[in-house]
């Protein structure tokens, strides 16, 4: 009987340890978190839908949806902040820290529909934002993007942005 209890206890401990390390084992490193939220925001992660909330950790491949009247601010590990406005669908495709030289982050986002504003950290990041109609490269910039139907617009208040159409 004592052996069975020890096996059960060991199994429980093993399961708990595996669940704690699952994000690392699966390569899911935290890349950002929700800084503020207003209204209903949903995060699609691996075929699950999670309600957005302040402090929720975000990972690569997370899809963020803002419902009508909702806004959410996301802060990335490099200090860059992105605000999503109502009716936006935003995908964190990639966000990695470079392994060589000075500390730098490389971000690749997709804005499927909606509007975002971003304040990107100077000299510490390179960001590419892809939309259905254009691709934007961002460096140390305060910039807003909007993708509605087949229309893409950009407002730049500081820094540098490169826009190209894939057609």
Foldseek 3Di string as FASTA:
>chain_A
DVVVVVVVVVVVVVVVVCVVCVCVVVVWDFFKFWQDKDAWKWKDDPNDIDTHDGGHTDTAFIKIAAAPPMKIWMAGPVGKIKIFHHGWIKHFHDWDWDDDDDTAIETEMETAFGKMWIQDQAPRYWYWYHYPFKIKIFHRFTKMWGDHPNDIDIDTDDGDMDMDGPD
